[in-house]
Amino acid sequence: MQDQNNPRISTARNIARKLLAGACITRPPVMIKDIVNLLRKTRDLSVYPWALGENTDGIQATEGSKIAIGYNHSQHPHRQRFTVAHEIGHFLMGHTSANYYNDLKSKDPKEIEANQFAAELLMPLAMLKNDLNDGKKAKELALLYNVSEESMWWRLCDSKLINNL
């Protein structure tokens, strides 16, 4: 049985990888609309821009088989992409019955799982390794993957692809 205090990081990453494979995505950037369209083939999923205020990046509501994801339309597009990926991660990981907050520093196992899912979905490890081997630097990678430079640095360090400075 899963210890509720330990995040299922491998599971989160594997779900993201299966989703990428199902969408036939092999090169960056990962387009969220392609992931949403793939999920819509088997789920009643809606994604909306919402005015959520400055303290909320996104929300997910599930009722029966219907899933609605809202993202803060006033956030930077990089943040919006991560938020939608994060909320998809919550849903696919079964986090549908409580309030969660998209915080990269959170110690909550469900937040860690959703963050790891989103990072793997938007910045797949296999693709990053190839691009690093081709000599690309963090700033170039951020542009290529359509993510913030901060997110790219976080991913590279978290994945131990580079050493923390």
N, C-alpha and C. Protein backbone atom coordinates (compact mmCIF):
# COMPACT_ATOMS: atom_id res chain seq x y z
N MET A 1 0.84 -1.19 0.00
CA MET A 1 0.00 0.00 0.00
C MET A 1 0.88 1.25 0.00
N GLN A 2 0.46 2.27 -0.74
CA GLN A 2 1.23 3.52 -0.88
C GLN A 2 1.22 4.30 0.43
N ASP A 3 2.39 4.69 0.89
CA ASP A 3 2.53 5.57 2.05
C ASP A 3 2.07 6.96 1.62
N GLN A 4 1.05 7.50 2.28
CA GLN A 4 0.47 8.78 1.90
C GLN A 4 1.44 9.95 2.07
N ASN A 5 2.56 9.73 2.79
CA ASN A 5 3.51 10.80 3.02
C ASN A 5 4.64 10.82 1.99
N ASN A 6 4.73 9.81 1.17
CA ASN A 6 5.79 9.74 0.16
C ASN A 6 5.22 9.96 -1.23
N PRO A 7 5.70 10.97 -1.94
CA PRO A 7 5.19 11.21 -3.29
C PRO A 7 5.59 10.09 -4.25
N ARG A 8 4.69 9.81 -5.18
CA ARG A 8 4.92 8.79 -6.20
C ARG A 8 5.54 9.46 -7.43
N ILE A 9 6.79 9.84 -7.30
CA ILE A 9 7.47 10.60 -8.34
C ILE A 9 7.61 9.77 -9.62
N SER A 10 8.04 8.53 -9.50
CA SER A 10 8.20 7.68 -10.69
C SER A 10 6.86 7.48 -11.40
N THR A 11 5.81 7.29 -10.63
CA THR A 11 4.48 7.12 -11.22
C THR A 11 4.07 8.38 -11.98
N ALA A 12 4.28 9.53 -11.37
CA ALA A 12 3.91 10.80 -12.01
C ALA A 12 4.67 10.97 -13.33
N ARG A 13 5.96 10.72 -13.30
CA ARG A 13 6.77 10.87 -14.51
C ARG A 13 6.36 9.85 -15.58
N ASN A 14 6.06 8.63 -15.16
CA ASN A 14 5.66 7.60 -16.14
C ASN A 14 4.32 7.91 -16.78
N ILE A 15 3.40 8.47 -16.03
CA ILE A 15 2.11 8.87 -16.61
C ILE A 15 2.34 9.97 -17.65
N ALA A 16 3.20 10.92 -17.34
CA ALA A 16 3.50 12.00 -18.30
C ALA A 16 4.14 11.41 -19.56
N ARG A 17 5.06 10.48 -19.40
CA ARG A 17 5.73 9.86 -20.56
C ARG A 17 4.74 9.10 -21.43
N LYS A 18 3.81 8.40 -20.81
CA LYS A 18 2.78 7.67 -21.58
C LYS A 18 1.89 8.64 -22.35
N LEU A 19 1.58 9.74 -21.74
CA LEU A 19 0.77 10.76 -22.40
C LEU A 19 1.51 11.34 -23.60
N LEU A 20 2.79 11.64 -23.44
CA LEU A 20 3.60 12.14 -24.55
C LEU A 20 3.66 11.12 -25.68
N ALA A 21 3.84 9.87 -25.33
CA ALA A 21 3.89 8.81 -26.36
C ALA A 21 2.54 8.70 -27.06
N GLY A 22 1.46 8.78 -26.30
CA GLY A 22 0.13 8.70 -26.89
C GLY A 22 -0.17 9.84 -27.83
N ALA A 23 0.42 10.99 -27.56
CA ALA A 23 0.25 12.18 -28.42
C ALA A 23 1.31 12.23 -29.52
N CYS A 24 2.19 11.23 -29.56
CA CYS A 24 3.27 11.16 -30.56
C CYS A 24 4.18 12.39 -30.52
N ILE A 25 4.45 12.88 -29.33
CA ILE A 25 5.31 14.06 -29.18
C ILE A 25 6.73 13.57 -28.91
N THR A 26 7.63 13.93 -29.81
CA THR A 26 9.01 13.48 -29.70
C THR A 26 10.01 14.64 -29.65
N ARG A 27 9.54 15.86 -29.88
CA ARG A 27 10.41 17.04 -29.86
C ARG A 27 9.70 18.18 -29.16
N PRO A 28 10.46 19.03 -28.51
CA PRO A 28 9.86 20.20 -27.87
C PRO A 28 9.50 21.25 -28.91
N PRO A 29 8.62 22.18 -28.57
CA PRO A 29 7.92 22.26 -27.30
C PRO A 29 6.68 21.37 -27.28
N VAL A 30 6.32 20.92 -26.10
CA VAL A 30 5.08 20.17 -25.93
C VAL A 30 3.95 21.19 -25.93
N MET A 31 3.01 20.98 -26.82
CA MET A 31 1.87 21.89 -26.91
C MET A 31 0.75 21.36 -26.02
N ILE A 32 0.36 22.16 -25.05
CA ILE A 32 -0.69 21.74 -24.12
C ILE A 32 -1.98 21.40 -24.85
N LYS A 33 -2.27 22.12 -25.93
CA LYS A 33 -3.51 21.83 -26.66
C LYS A 33 -3.49 20.42 -27.23
N ASP A 34 -2.31 19.92 -27.62
CA ASP A 34 -2.21 18.54 -28.13
C ASP A 34 -2.50 17.53 -27.01
N ILE A 35 -2.01 17.81 -25.82
CA ILE A 35 -2.27 16.93 -24.67
C ILE A 35 -3.75 16.97 -24.30
N VAL A 36 -4.33 18.16 -24.27
CA VAL A 36 -5.74 18.30 -23.95
C VAL A 36 -6.58 17.57 -24.99
N ASN A 37 -6.26 17.74 -26.27
CA ASN A 37 -7.02 17.05 -27.33
C ASN A 37 -6.93 15.54 -27.20
N LEU A 38 -5.76 15.02 -26.84
CA LEU A 38 -5.63 13.58 -26.62
C LEU A 38 -6.50 13.13 -25.46
N LEU A 39 -6.47 13.86 -24.37
CA LEU A 39 -7.28 13.49 -23.21
C LEU A 39 -8.77 13.59 -23.50
N ARG A 40 -9.16 14.53 -24.34
CA ARG A 40 -10.58 14.69 -24.68
C ARG A 40 -11.14 13.50 -25.45
N LYS A 41 -10.27 12.68 -26.01
CA LYS A 41 -10.74 11.48 -26.72
C LYS A 41 -11.36 10.47 -25.77
N THR A 42 -10.94 10.51 -24.50
CA THR A 42 -11.43 9.54 -23.53
C THR A 42 -12.07 10.16 -22.29
N ARG A 43 -12.02 11.48 -22.20
CA ARG A 43 -12.53 12.18 -21.02
C ARG A 43 -13.26 13.45 -21.43
N ASP A 44 -14.20 13.86 -20.60
CA ASP A 44 -14.93 15.10 -20.82
C ASP A 44 -14.15 16.22 -20.12
N LEU A 45 -13.15 16.75 -20.83
CA LEU A 45 -12.21 17.73 -20.26
C LEU A 45 -12.43 19.09 -20.89
N SER A 46 -12.50 20.10 -20.04
CA SER A 46 -12.57 21.49 -20.50
C SER A 46 -11.47 22.28 -19.80
N VAL A 47 -10.86 23.20 -20.54
CA VAL A 47 -9.82 24.06 -19.99
C VAL A 47 -10.21 25.50 -20.30
N TYR A 48 -10.21 26.34 -19.26
CA TYR A 48 -10.69 27.71 -19.39
C TYR A 48 -9.70 28.72 -18.81
N PRO A 49 -9.56 29.86 -19.46
CA PRO A 49 -8.87 30.98 -18.80
C PRO A 49 -9.87 31.64 -17.85
N TRP A 50 -9.45 31.91 -16.64
CA TRP A 50 -10.32 32.53 -15.64
C TRP A 50 -9.59 33.65 -14.93
N ALA A 51 -10.38 34.58 -14.41
CA ALA A 51 -9.85 35.64 -13.55
C ALA A 51 -9.83 35.06 -12.13
N LEU A 52 -8.67 34.55 -11.71
CA LEU A 52 -8.57 33.85 -10.44
C LEU A 52 -7.93 34.68 -9.34
N GLY A 53 -7.60 35.92 -9.62
CA GLY A 53 -6.93 36.74 -8.62
C GLY A 53 -5.44 36.46 -8.61
N GLU A 54 -4.71 37.25 -7.87
CA GLU A 54 -3.26 37.13 -7.94
C GLU A 54 -2.69 35.99 -7.10
N ASN A 55 -3.48 35.37 -6.24
CA ASN A 55 -2.97 34.31 -5.38
C ASN A 55 -3.31 32.90 -5.86
N THR A 56 -3.98 32.78 -7.00
CA THR A 56 -4.37 31.46 -7.50
C THR A 56 -3.91 31.32 -8.94
N ASP A 57 -3.13 30.27 -9.19
CA ASP A 57 -2.65 30.00 -10.55
C ASP A 57 -3.65 29.16 -11.34
N GLY A 58 -4.29 28.19 -10.68
CA GLY A 58 -5.20 27.32 -11.38
C GLY A 58 -6.06 26.52 -10.43
N ILE A 59 -7.11 25.96 -11.01
CA ILE A 59 -8.01 25.10 -10.25
C ILE A 59 -8.45 23.95 -11.13
N GLN A 60 -8.90 22.90 -10.46
CA GLN A 60 -9.45 21.75 -11.16
C GLN A 60 -10.71 21.34 -10.43
N ALA A 61 -11.78 21.13 -11.17
CA ALA A 61 -13.02 20.64 -10.58
C ALA A 61 -13.45 19.40 -11.33
N THR A 62 -13.84 18.39 -10.58
CA THR A 62 -14.27 17.13 -11.17
C THR A 62 -15.66 16.81 -10.66
N GLU A 63 -16.56 16.50 -11.58
CA GLU A 63 -17.90 16.06 -11.22
C GLU A 63 -18.22 14.86 -12.09
N GLY A 64 -18.27 13.70 -11.46
CA GLY A 64 -18.49 12.48 -12.23
C GLY A 64 -17.36 12.31 -13.24
N SER A 65 -17.70 12.23 -14.51
CA SER A 65 -16.69 12.06 -15.55
C SER A 65 -16.26 13.38 -16.18
N LYS A 66 -16.80 14.49 -15.69
CA LYS A 66 -16.46 15.80 -16.23
C LYS A 66 -15.32 16.44 -15.43
N ILE A 67 -14.35 16.98 -16.17
CA ILE A 67 -13.21 17.63 -15.56
C ILE A 67 -13.11 19.04 -16.14
N ALA A 68 -13.00 20.03 -15.28
CA ALA A 68 -12.78 21.40 -15.71
C ALA A 68 -11.50 21.91 -15.06
N ILE A 69 -10.65 22.48 -15.89
CA ILE A 69 -9.41 23.09 -15.40
C ILE A 69 -9.48 24.57 -15.75
N GLY A 70 -9.20 25.38 -14.76
CA GLY A 70 -9.13 26.82 -14.98
C GLY A 70 -7.73 27.29 -14.68
N TYR A 71 -7.24 28.19 -15.51
CA TYR A 71 -5.93 28.78 -15.27
C TYR A 71 -6.06 30.29 -15.25
N ASN A 72 -5.19 30.92 -14.51
CA ASN A 72 -5.23 32.36 -14.33
C ASN A 72 -4.76 33.05 -15.61
N HIS A 73 -5.68 33.70 -16.28
CA HIS A 73 -5.35 34.32 -17.57
C HIS A 73 -4.44 35.53 -17.44
N SER A 74 -4.25 36.03 -16.22
CA SER A 74 -3.37 37.19 -16.05
C SER A 74 -1.91 36.79 -15.81
N GLN A 75 -1.65 35.49 -15.67
CA GLN A 75 -0.29 35.00 -15.48
C GLN A 75 0.45 34.97 -16.82
N HIS A 76 1.77 34.91 -16.76
CA HIS A 76 2.61 34.78 -17.96
C HIS A 76 2.25 33.46 -18.67
N PRO A 77 2.29 33.42 -20.00
CA PRO A 77 1.96 32.17 -20.72
C PRO A 77 2.78 30.96 -20.26
N HIS A 78 4.03 31.14 -19.87
CA HIS A 78 4.81 30.01 -19.34
C HIS A 78 4.16 29.46 -18.08
N ARG A 79 3.72 30.35 -17.22
CA ARG A 79 3.06 29.95 -15.98
C ARG A 79 1.74 29.26 -16.28
N GLN A 80 1.01 29.77 -17.26
CA GLN A 80 -0.27 29.16 -17.64
C GLN A 80 -0.06 27.72 -18.12
N ARG A 81 0.98 27.51 -18.94
CA ARG A 81 1.26 26.16 -19.45
C ARG A 81 1.57 25.20 -18.30
N PHE A 82 2.43 25.66 -17.38
CA PHE A 82 2.79 24.80 -16.25
C PHE A 82 1.56 24.52 -15.39
N THR A 83 0.75 25.53 -15.17
CA THR A 83 -0.44 25.37 -14.33
C THR A 83 -1.39 24.34 -14.94
N VAL A 84 -1.66 24.44 -16.22
CA VAL A 84 -2.57 23.46 -16.85
C VAL A 84 -1.97 22.06 -16.77
N ALA A 85 -0.66 21.93 -17.04
CA ALA A 85 -0.01 20.63 -16.93
C ALA A 85 -0.09 20.11 -15.50
N HIS A 86 0.13 20.99 -14.53
CA HIS A 86 0.06 20.63 -13.11
C HIS A 86 -1.34 20.12 -12.76
N GLU A 87 -2.37 20.83 -13.20
CA GLU A 87 -3.74 20.43 -12.90
C GLU A 87 -4.11 19.12 -13.60
N ILE A 88 -3.62 18.91 -14.81
CA ILE A 88 -3.82 17.61 -15.49
C ILE A 88 -3.16 16.53 -14.66
N GLY A 89 -1.97 16.81 -14.14
CA GLY A 89 -1.27 15.86 -13.28
C GLY A 89 -2.09 15.51 -12.06
N HIS A 90 -2.66 16.50 -11.40
CA HIS A 90 -3.52 16.22 -10.25
C HIS A 90 -4.63 15.25 -10.65
N PHE A 91 -5.29 15.54 -11.76
CA PHE A 91 -6.39 14.67 -12.17
C PHE A 91 -5.92 13.25 -12.47
N LEU A 92 -4.88 13.13 -13.29
CA LEU A 92 -4.42 11.79 -13.68
C LEU A 92 -3.82 11.01 -12.52
N MET A 93 -3.35 11.71 -11.50
CA MET A 93 -2.81 11.04 -10.31
C MET A 93 -3.91 10.75 -9.28
N GLY A 94 -5.15 11.14 -9.60
CA GLY A 94 -6.27 10.85 -8.71
C GLY A 94 -6.47 11.85 -7.59
N HIS A 95 -5.93 13.04 -7.72
CA HIS A 95 -6.06 14.08 -6.69
C HIS A 95 -7.28 14.94 -7.00
N THR A 96 -8.44 14.41 -6.79
CA THR A 96 -9.65 15.15 -7.21
C THR A 96 -10.56 15.54 -6.06
N SER A 97 -10.17 15.26 -4.83
CA SER A 97 -11.13 15.48 -3.75
C SER A 97 -10.72 16.52 -2.72
N ALA A 98 -9.66 17.26 -2.95
CA ALA A 98 -9.22 18.24 -1.95
C ALA A 98 -8.64 19.46 -2.64
N ASN A 99 -8.32 20.45 -1.86
CA ASN A 99 -7.68 21.66 -2.38
C ASN A 99 -6.17 21.49 -2.36
N TYR A 100 -5.55 21.81 -3.47
CA TYR A 100 -4.10 21.75 -3.56
C TYR A 100 -3.61 23.07 -4.12
N TYR A 101 -2.41 23.43 -3.77
CA TYR A 101 -1.87 24.70 -4.20
C TYR A 101 -0.59 24.45 -4.99
N ASN A 102 -0.52 25.04 -6.17
CA ASN A 102 0.62 24.87 -7.07
C ASN A 102 1.80 25.64 -6.52
N ASP A 103 2.62 24.94 -5.74
CA ASP A 103 3.77 25.56 -5.09
C ASP A 103 4.96 24.64 -5.26
N LEU A 104 5.99 25.11 -5.97
CA LEU A 104 7.15 24.27 -6.22
C LEU A 104 7.90 23.91 -4.95
N LYS A 105 7.72 24.66 -3.88
CA LYS A 105 8.42 24.38 -2.63
C LYS A 105 7.57 23.58 -1.65
N SER A 106 6.37 23.21 -2.05
CA SER A 106 5.48 22.47 -1.17
C SER A 106 6.07 21.11 -0.81
N LYS A 107 5.79 20.69 0.41
CA LYS A 107 6.20 19.36 0.87
C LYS A 107 5.04 18.36 0.77
N ASP A 108 3.87 18.84 0.36
CA ASP A 108 2.70 17.98 0.22
C ASP A 108 2.97 16.96 -0.89
N PRO A 109 2.87 15.66 -0.61
CA PRO A 109 3.16 14.64 -1.63
C PRO A 109 2.35 14.81 -2.92
N LYS A 110 1.12 15.23 -2.81
CA LYS A 110 0.29 15.39 -4.01
C LYS A 110 0.76 16.58 -4.86
N GLU A 111 1.23 17.62 -4.20
CA GLU A 111 1.79 18.76 -4.94
C GLU A 111 3.09 18.37 -5.63
N ILE A 112 3.91 17.60 -4.92
CA ILE A 112 5.17 17.13 -5.51
C ILE A 112 4.88 16.27 -6.73
N GLU A 113 3.90 15.38 -6.62
CA GLU A 113 3.53 14.52 -7.75
C GLU A 113 3.06 15.35 -8.95
N ALA A 114 2.18 16.32 -8.70
CA ALA A 114 1.66 17.15 -9.80
C ALA A 114 2.77 17.98 -10.42
N ASN A 115 3.69 18.49 -9.61
CA ASN A 115 4.83 19.25 -10.13
C ASN A 115 5.74 18.37 -10.97
N GLN A 116 6.03 17.17 -10.50
CA GLN A 116 6.89 16.25 -11.24
C GLN A 116 6.23 15.84 -12.56
N PHE A 117 4.93 15.61 -12.52
CA PHE A 117 4.18 15.30 -13.75
C PHE A 117 4.32 16.44 -14.75
N ALA A 118 4.05 17.66 -14.29
CA ALA A 118 4.09 18.83 -15.18
C ALA A 118 5.49 19.05 -15.74
N ALA A 119 6.51 18.89 -14.90
CA ALA A 119 7.89 19.07 -15.36
C ALA A 119 8.25 18.04 -16.41
N GLU A 120 7.85 16.79 -16.19
CA GLU A 120 8.16 15.74 -17.17
C GLU A 120 7.37 15.94 -18.45
N LEU A 121 6.15 16.43 -18.33
CA LEU A 121 5.32 16.65 -19.52
C LEU A 121 5.89 17.78 -20.38
N LEU A 122 6.27 18.88 -19.75
CA LEU A 122 6.73 20.05 -20.50
C LEU A 122 8.22 20.02 -20.83
N MET A 123 9.00 19.33 -20.00
CA MET A 123 10.46 19.26 -20.19
C MET A 123 10.90 17.80 -20.02
N PRO A 124 10.50 16.94 -20.97
CA PRO A 124 10.78 15.51 -20.82
C PRO A 124 12.28 15.24 -20.68
N LEU A 125 12.60 14.40 -19.70
CA LEU A 125 13.98 14.10 -19.38
C LEU A 125 14.77 13.58 -20.58
N ALA A 126 14.20 12.67 -21.33
CA ALA A 126 14.91 12.11 -22.49
C ALA A 126 15.24 13.19 -23.52
N MET A 127 14.30 14.07 -23.77
CA MET A 127 14.53 15.17 -24.72
C MET A 127 15.60 16.12 -24.19
N LEU A 128 15.51 16.44 -22.90
CA LEU A 128 16.49 17.34 -22.30
C LEU A 128 17.90 16.77 -22.39
N LYS A 129 18.04 15.48 -22.12
CA LYS A 129 19.36 14.85 -22.20
C LYS A 129 19.94 15.00 -23.61
N ASN A 130 19.11 14.74 -24.62
CA ASN A 130 19.56 14.88 -26.01
C ASN A 130 19.98 16.30 -26.32
N ASP A 131 19.17 17.25 -25.89
CA ASP A 131 19.47 18.65 -26.18
C ASP A 131 20.70 19.14 -25.43
N LEU A 132 20.90 18.66 -24.21
CA LEU A 132 22.12 19.00 -23.48
C LEU A 132 23.34 18.40 -24.16
N ASN A 133 23.21 17.18 -24.64
CA ASN A 133 24.31 16.53 -25.36
C ASN A 133 24.65 17.27 -26.65
N ASP A 134 23.66 17.96 -27.21
CA ASP A 134 23.88 18.76 -28.42
C ASP A 134 24.48 20.13 -28.09
N GLY A 135 24.74 20.37 -26.81
CA GLY A 135 25.42 21.60 -26.40
C GLY A 135 24.53 22.78 -26.08
N LYS A 136 23.23 22.57 -26.02
CA LYS A 136 22.32 23.67 -25.71
C LYS A 136 22.47 24.08 -24.24
N LYS A 137 22.36 25.35 -23.98
CA LYS A 137 22.44 25.92 -22.63
C LYS A 137 21.03 26.16 -22.09
N ALA A 138 20.94 26.43 -20.79
CA ALA A 138 19.64 26.57 -20.13
C ALA A 138 18.75 27.62 -20.79
N LYS A 139 19.31 28.76 -21.14
CA LYS A 139 18.50 29.82 -21.76
C LYS A 139 17.94 29.35 -23.11
N GLU A 140 18.75 28.67 -23.90
CA GLU A 140 18.29 28.13 -25.19
C GLU A 140 17.22 27.07 -24.98
N LEU A 141 17.45 26.22 -23.97
CA LEU A 141 16.48 25.16 -23.67
C LEU A 141 15.14 25.75 -23.25
N ALA A 142 15.17 26.78 -22.43
CA ALA A 142 13.92 27.42 -22.00
C ALA A 142 13.13 27.93 -23.20
N LEU A 143 13.82 28.56 -24.13
CA LEU A 143 13.15 29.04 -25.35
C LEU A 143 12.60 27.88 -26.17
N LEU A 144 13.41 26.85 -26.34
CA LEU A 144 13.02 25.69 -27.13
C LEU A 144 11.81 24.97 -26.54
N TYR A 145 11.78 24.85 -25.21
CA TYR A 145 10.71 24.11 -24.54
C TYR A 145 9.53 25.00 -24.16
N ASN A 146 9.64 26.29 -24.45
CA ASN A 146 8.57 27.26 -24.16
C ASN A 146 8.21 27.26 -22.67
N VAL A 147 9.27 27.35 -21.85
CA VAL A 147 9.10 27.44 -20.40
C VAL A 147 9.98 28.60 -19.92
N SER A 148 9.78 28.99 -18.69
CA SER A 148 10.62 30.06 -18.14
C SER A 148 12.03 29.54 -17.92
N GLU A 149 12.97 30.46 -17.90
CA GLU A 149 14.35 30.07 -17.63
C GLU A 149 14.46 29.51 -16.20
N GLU A 150 13.70 30.08 -15.28
CA GLU A 150 13.70 29.58 -13.90
C GLU A 150 13.22 28.13 -13.84
N SER A 151 12.15 27.82 -14.57
CA SER A 151 11.65 26.44 -14.60
C SER A 151 12.68 25.50 -15.19
N MET A 152 13.35 25.95 -16.23
CA MET A 152 14.36 25.10 -16.85
C MET A 152 15.51 24.83 -15.89
N TRP A 153 15.98 25.87 -15.20
CA TRP A 153 17.05 25.67 -14.22
C TRP A 153 16.60 24.70 -13.14
N TRP A 154 15.38 24.88 -12.65
CA TRP A 154 14.84 23.99 -11.62
C TRP A 154 14.83 22.55 -12.12
N ARG A 155 14.36 22.35 -13.35
CA ARG A 155 14.27 20.99 -13.92
C ARG A 155 15.66 20.38 -14.09
N LEU A 156 16.59 21.15 -14.61
CA LEU A 156 17.95 20.64 -14.83
C LEU A 156 18.60 20.26 -13.50
N CYS A 157 18.42 21.07 -12.48
CA CYS A 157 19.00 20.77 -11.17
C CYS A 157 18.27 19.60 -10.50
N ASP A 158 16.96 19.62 -10.51
CA ASP A 158 16.16 18.56 -9.88
C ASP A 158 16.44 17.21 -10.51
N SER A 159 16.67 17.20 -11.80
CA SER A 159 16.93 15.95 -12.53
C SER A 159 18.40 15.54 -12.45
N LYS A 160 19.20 16.38 -11.79
CA LYS A 160 20.63 16.14 -11.67
C LYS A 160 21.34 16.08 -13.02
N LEU A 161 20.79 16.82 -13.99
CA LEU A 161 21.44 16.94 -15.29
C LEU A 161 22.57 17.94 -15.22
N ILE A 162 22.48 18.84 -14.24
CA ILE A 162 23.58 19.75 -13.93
C ILE A 162 23.68 19.85 -12.42
N ASN A 163 24.78 20.33 -11.94
CA ASN A 163 24.96 20.50 -10.49
C ASN A 163 24.32 21.81 -10.05
N ASN A 164 23.75 21.78 -8.84
CA ASN A 164 23.23 23.01 -8.24
C ASN A 164 24.37 23.99 -8.06
N LEU A 165 24.12 25.26 -8.36
CA LEU A 165 25.16 26.28 -8.21
C LEU A 165 25.14 26.85 -6.80
